[in-house]
Amino acid sequence: MKKRKDTVVRISRWLDREIEQLISKRKMRVRFPSKRNFVDFAVMKLLEEKGAKLK
C-alpha cells in the first residue's frame, strides 16, 4: 500500500469562501490554480518570514 505524501488540513468555511472568491478572479486563477496551491504558497511565505528554512 502506497502512502500519500500530502496531508489534509481543515480550514474554516468563511476562510474557504474568501480564498475561493479571491482566486476566482482571472489574474489570480493563473497564479493560483487551486485553493491548495494558494494555501501552500501563503503558509510557506509566513514560515519564511518567521525564520523557517524551507528546502
PDB file of N, CA and C in Angstrom:
ATOM      1  N   MET A   1       0.848  -1.187   0.000  1.00  0.00           N
ATOM      2  CA  MET A   1       0.000   0.000   0.000  1.00  0.00           C
ATOM      3  C   MET A   1       0.889   1.245   0.000  1.00  0.00           C
ATOM      4  N   LYS A   2       0.643   2.129  -0.914  1.00  0.00           N
ATOM      5  CA  LYS A   2       1.434   3.350  -1.053  1.00  0.00           C
ATOM      6  C   LYS A   2       0.785   4.475  -0.244  1.00  0.00           C
ATOM      7  N   LYS A   3       1.591   5.139   0.579  1.00  0.00           N
ATOM      8  CA  LYS A   3       1.069   6.251   1.376  1.00  0.00           C
ATOM      9  C   LYS A   3       1.143   7.550   0.595  1.00  0.00           C
ATOM     10  N   ARG A   4       0.178   8.410   0.822  1.00  0.00           N
ATOM     11  CA  ARG A   4       0.187   9.727   0.196  1.00  0.00           C
ATOM     12  C   ARG A   4       1.211  10.607   0.880  1.00  0.00           C
ATOM     13  N   LYS A   5       1.786  11.530   0.128  1.00  0.00           N
ATOM     14  CA  LYS A   5       2.795  12.420   0.677  1.00  0.00           C
ATOM     15  C   LYS A   5       2.208  13.726   1.205  1.00  0.00           C
ATOM     16  N   ASP A   6       0.940  13.981   0.946  1.00  0.00           N
ATOM     17  CA  ASP A   6       0.333  15.223   1.416  1.00  0.00           C
ATOM     18  C   ASP A   6      -0.546  14.951   2.638  1.00  0.00           C
ATOM     19  N   THR A   7      -0.960  16.019   3.285  1.00  0.00           N
ATOM     20  CA  THR A   7      -1.777  15.939   4.486  1.00  0.00           C
ATOM     21  C   THR A   7      -2.992  16.837   4.312  1.00  0.00           C
ATOM     22  N   VAL A   8      -4.123  16.380   4.778  1.00  0.00           N
ATOM     23  CA  VAL A   8      -5.342  17.175   4.713  1.00  0.00           C
ATOM     24  C   VAL A   8      -5.435  18.039   5.964  1.00  0.00           C
ATOM     25  N   VAL A   9      -5.711  19.328   5.762  1.00  0.00           N
ATOM     26  CA  VAL A   9      -5.884  20.256   6.868  1.00  0.00           C
ATOM     27  C   VAL A   9      -7.230  20.945   6.686  1.00  0.00           C
ATOM     28  N   ARG A  10      -8.018  20.974   7.736  1.00  0.00           N
ATOM     29  CA  ARG A  10      -9.330  21.626   7.658  1.00  0.00           C
ATOM     30  C   ARG A  10      -9.170  23.110   7.931  1.00  0.00           C
ATOM     31  N   ILE A  11      -9.907  23.915   7.163  1.00  0.00           N
ATOM     32  CA  ILE A  11      -9.926  25.359   7.399  1.00  0.00           C
ATOM     33  C   ILE A  11     -11.368  25.795   7.609  1.00  0.00           C
ATOM     34  N   SER A  12     -11.535  26.945   8.188  1.00  0.00           N
ATOM     35  CA  SER A  12     -12.877  27.471   8.452  1.00  0.00           C
ATOM     36  C   SER A  12     -13.621  27.713   7.144  1.00  0.00           C
ATOM     37  N   ARG A  13     -14.938  27.561   7.197  1.00  0.00           N
ATOM     38  CA  ARG A  13     -15.746  27.768   5.986  1.00  0.00           C
ATOM     39  C   ARG A  13     -15.622  29.189   5.459  1.00  0.00           C
ATOM     40  N   TRP A  14     -15.597  30.171   6.370  1.00  0.00           N
ATOM     41  CA  TRP A  14     -15.516  31.562   5.922  1.00  0.00           C
ATOM     42  C   TRP A  14     -14.185  31.805   5.215  1.00  0.00           C
ATOM     43  N   LEU A  15     -13.112  31.180   5.712  1.00  0.00           N
ATOM     44  CA  LEU A  15     -11.812  31.343   5.073  1.00  0.00           C
ATOM     45  C   LEU A  15     -11.803  30.646   3.719  1.00  0.00           C
ATOM     46  N   ASP A  16     -12.403  29.489   3.635  1.00  0.00           N
ATOM     47  CA  ASP A  16     -12.524  28.765   2.369  1.00  0.00           C
ATOM     48  C   ASP A  16     -13.261  29.612   1.333  1.00  0.00           C
ATOM     49  N   ARG A  17     -14.355  30.247   1.744  1.00  0.00           N
ATOM     50  CA  ARG A  17     -15.121  31.105   0.824  1.00  0.00           C
ATOM     51  C   ARG A  17     -14.305  32.307   0.370  1.00  0.00           C
ATOM     52  N   GLU A  18     -13.582  32.925   1.304  1.00  0.00           N
ATOM     53  CA  GLU A  18     -12.759  34.094   0.955  1.00  0.00           C
ATOM     54  C   GLU A  18     -11.663  33.731  -0.040  1.00  0.00           C
ATOM     55  N   ILE A  19     -11.016  32.601   0.180  1.00  0.00           N
ATOM     56  CA  ILE A  19      -9.972  32.155  -0.747  1.00  0.00           C
ATOM     57  C   ILE A  19     -10.577  31.894  -2.120  1.00  0.00           C
ATOM     58  N   GLU A  20     -11.707  31.213  -2.158  1.00  0.00           N
ATOM     59  CA  GLU A  20     -12.365  30.911  -3.433  1.00  0.00           C
ATOM     60  C   GLU A  20     -12.729  32.193  -4.180  1.00  0.00           C
ATOM     61  N   GLN A  21     -13.261  33.184  -3.470  1.00  0.00           N
ATOM     62  CA  GLN A  21     -13.614  34.452  -4.120  1.00  0.00           C
ATOM     63  C   GLN A  21     -12.373  35.153  -4.665  1.00  0.00           C
ATOM     64  N   LEU A  22     -11.298  35.118  -3.908  1.00  0.00           N
ATOM     65  CA  LEU A  22     -10.069  35.775  -4.339  1.00  0.00           C
ATOM     66  C   LEU A  22      -9.465  35.111  -5.569  1.00  0.00           C
ATOM     67  N   ILE A  23      -9.355  33.799  -5.569  1.00  0.00           N
ATOM     68  CA  ILE A  23      -8.704  33.138  -6.700  1.00  0.00           C
ATOM     69  C   ILE A  23      -9.627  32.944  -7.894  1.00  0.00           C
ATOM     70  N   SER A  24     -10.894  33.257  -7.749  1.00  0.00           N
ATOM     71  CA  SER A  24     -11.800  33.121  -8.882  1.00  0.00           C
ATOM     72  C   SER A  24     -11.602  34.250  -9.905  1.00  0.00           C
ATOM     73  N   LYS A  25     -10.918  35.310  -9.499  1.00  0.00           N
ATOM     74  CA  LYS A  25     -10.619  36.393 -10.427  1.00  0.00           C
ATOM     75  C   LYS A  25      -9.586  35.902 -11.438  1.00  0.00           C
ATOM     76  N   ARG A  26      -9.721  36.313 -12.660  1.00  0.00           N
ATOM     77  CA  ARG A  26      -8.920  35.784 -13.758  1.00  0.00           C
ATOM     78  C   ARG A  26      -7.407  35.828 -13.504  1.00  0.00           C
ATOM     79  N   LYS A  27      -6.872  36.970 -13.089  1.00  0.00           N
ATOM     80  CA  LYS A  27      -5.431  37.085 -12.867  1.00  0.00           C
ATOM     81  C   LYS A  27      -4.962  36.173 -11.746  1.00  0.00           C
ATOM     82  N   MET A  28      -5.748  36.070 -10.706  1.00  0.00           N
ATOM     83  CA  MET A  28      -5.369  35.234  -9.566  1.00  0.00           C
ATOM     84  C   MET A  28      -5.466  33.749  -9.919  1.00  0.00           C
ATOM     85  N   ARG A  29      -6.399  33.381 -10.782  1.00  0.00           N
ATOM     86  CA  ARG A  29      -6.576  31.975 -11.163  1.00  0.00           C
ATOM     87  C   ARG A  29      -5.347  31.460 -11.902  1.00  0.00           C
ATOM     88  N   VAL A  30      -4.697  32.330 -12.661  1.00  0.00           N
ATOM     89  CA  VAL A  30      -3.483  31.922 -13.372  1.00  0.00           C
ATOM     90  C   VAL A  30      -2.359  31.670 -12.372  1.00  0.00           C
ATOM     91  N   ARG A  31      -2.228  32.546 -11.393  1.00  0.00           N
ATOM     92  CA  ARG A  31      -1.156  32.414 -10.402  1.00  0.00           C
ATOM     93  C   ARG A  31      -1.439  31.291  -9.402  1.00  0.00           C
ATOM     94  N   PHE A  32      -2.696  31.155  -9.004  1.00  0.00           N
ATOM     95  CA  PHE A  32      -3.087  30.132  -8.028  1.00  0.00           C
ATOM     96  C   PHE A  32      -4.231  29.311  -8.625  1.00  0.00           C
ATOM     97  N   PRO A  33      -3.900  28.235  -9.325  1.00  0.00           N
ATOM     98  CA  PRO A  33      -4.943  27.453  -9.999  1.00  0.00           C
ATOM     99  C   PRO A  33      -5.875  26.686  -9.059  1.00  0.00           C
ATOM    100  N   SER A  34      -5.495  26.582  -7.782  1.00  0.00           N
ATOM    101  CA  SER A  34      -6.352  25.868  -6.833  1.00  0.00           C
ATOM    102  C   SER A  34      -6.217  26.495  -5.443  1.00  0.00           C
ATOM    103  N   LYS A  35      -7.193  26.196  -4.599  1.00  0.00           N
ATOM    104  CA  LYS A  35      -7.124  26.681  -3.219  1.00  0.00           C
ATOM    105  C   LYS A  35      -5.914  26.082  -2.514  1.00  0.00           C
ATOM    106  N   ARG A  36      -5.642  24.830  -2.789  1.00  0.00           N
ATOM    107  CA  ARG A  36      -4.491  24.184  -2.172  1.00  0.00           C
ATOM    108  C   ARG A  36      -3.198  24.902  -2.531  1.00  0.00           C
ATOM    109  N   ASN A  37      -3.056  25.265  -3.791  1.00  0.00           N
ATOM    110  CA  ASN A  37      -1.871  25.983  -4.243  1.00  0.00           C
ATOM    111  C   ASN A  37      -1.746  27.315  -3.513  1.00  0.00           C
ATOM    112  N   PHE A  38      -2.844  28.033  -3.369  1.00  0.00           N
ATOM    113  CA  PHE A  38      -2.864  29.315  -2.677  1.00  0.00           C
ATOM    114  C   PHE A  38      -2.450  29.154  -1.205  1.00  0.00           C
ATOM    115  N   VAL A  39      -3.044  28.178  -0.534  1.00  0.00           N
ATOM    116  CA  VAL A  39      -2.752  27.961   0.882  1.00  0.00           C
ATOM    117  C   VAL A  39      -1.296  27.534   1.068  1.00  0.00           C
ATOM    118  N   ASP A  40      -0.795  26.641   0.224  1.00  0.00           N
ATOM    119  CA  ASP A  40       0.614  26.230   0.312  1.00  0.00           C
ATOM    120  C   ASP A  40       1.535  27.438   0.193  1.00  0.00           C
ATOM    121  N   PHE A  41       1.275  28.289  -0.788  1.00  0.00           N
ATOM    122  CA  PHE A  41       2.101  29.482  -1.006  1.00  0.00           C
ATOM    123  C   PHE A  41       2.051  30.403   0.212  1.00  0.00           C
ATOM    124  N   ALA A  42       0.851  30.649   0.731  1.00  0.00           N
ATOM    125  CA  ALA A  42       0.689  31.558   1.866  1.00  0.00           C
ATOM    126  C   ALA A  42       1.392  31.033   3.119  1.00  0.00           C
ATOM    127  N   VAL A  43       1.268  29.748   3.376  1.00  0.00           N
ATOM    128  CA  VAL A  43       1.899  29.166   4.564  1.00  0.00           C
ATOM    129  C   VAL A  43       3.419  29.179   4.420  1.00  0.00           C
ATOM    130  N   MET A  44       3.928  28.843   3.237  1.00  0.00           N
ATOM    131  CA  MET A  44       5.382  28.875   3.031  1.00  0.00           C
ATOM    132  C   MET A  44       5.932  30.276   3.214  1.00  0.00           C
ATOM    133  N   LYS A  45       5.218  31.275   2.711  1.00  0.00           N
ATOM    134  CA  LYS A  45       5.663  32.659   2.861  1.00  0.00           C
ATOM    135  C   LYS A  45       5.694  33.061   4.335  1.00  0.00           C
ATOM    136  N   LEU A  46       4.665  32.708   5.078  1.00  0.00           N
ATOM    137  CA  LEU A  46       4.621  33.016   6.507  1.00  0.00           C
ATOM    138  C   LEU A  46       5.764  32.335   7.250  1.00  0.00           C
ATOM    139  N   LEU A  47       6.005  31.078   6.955  1.00  0.00           N
ATOM    140  CA  LEU A  47       7.084  30.352   7.616  1.00  0.00           C
ATOM    141  C   LEU A  47       8.442  30.977   7.322  1.00  0.00           C
ATOM    142  N   GLU A  48       8.666  31.376   6.077  1.00  0.00           N
ATOM    143  CA  GLU A  48       9.922  32.030   5.719  1.00  0.00           C
ATOM    144  C   GLU A  48      10.080  33.349   6.464  1.00  0.00           C
ATOM    145  N   GLU A  49       8.999  34.118   6.583  1.00  0.00           N
ATOM    146  CA  GLU A  49       9.041  35.386   7.309  1.00  0.00           C
ATOM    147  C   GLU A  49       9.361  35.160   8.792  1.00  0.00           C
ATOM    148  N   LYS A  50       8.952  34.024   9.319  1.00  0.00           N
ATOM    149  CA  LYS A  50       9.197  33.705  10.731  1.00  0.00           C
ATOM    150  C   LYS A  50      10.550  33.044  10.953  1.00  0.00           C
ATOM    151  N   GLY A  51      11.308  32.872   9.880  1.00  0.00           N
ATOM    152  CA  GLY A  51      12.670  32.342  10.007  1.00  0.00           C
ATOM    153  C   GLY A  51      12.852  30.874   9.721  1.00  0.00           C
ATOM    154  N   ALA A  52      11.802  30.199   9.269  1.00  0.00           N
ATOM    155  CA  ALA A  52      11.948  28.782   8.935  1.00  0.00           C
ATOM    156  C   ALA A  52      12.777  28.661   7.665  1.00  0.00           C
ATOM    157  N   LYS A  53      13.604  27.643   7.628  1.00  0.00           N
ATOM    158  CA  LYS A  53      14.438  27.411   6.446  1.00  0.00           C
ATOM    159  C   LYS A  53      13.785  26.279   5.642  1.00  0.00           C
ATOM    160  N   LEU A  54      13.126  26.641   4.556  1.00  0.00           N
ATOM    161  CA  LEU A  54      12.448  25.657   3.716  1.00  0.00           C
ATOM    162  C   LEU A  54      13.368  25.221   2.588  1.00  0.00           C
ATOM    163  N   LYS A  55      13.283  23.968   2.233  1.00  0.00           N
ATOM    164  CA  LYS A  55      14.120  23.434   1.150  1.00  0.00           C
ATOM    165  C   LYS A  55      13.508  23.707  -0.189  1.00  0.00           C
TER     166      LYS A  55
END
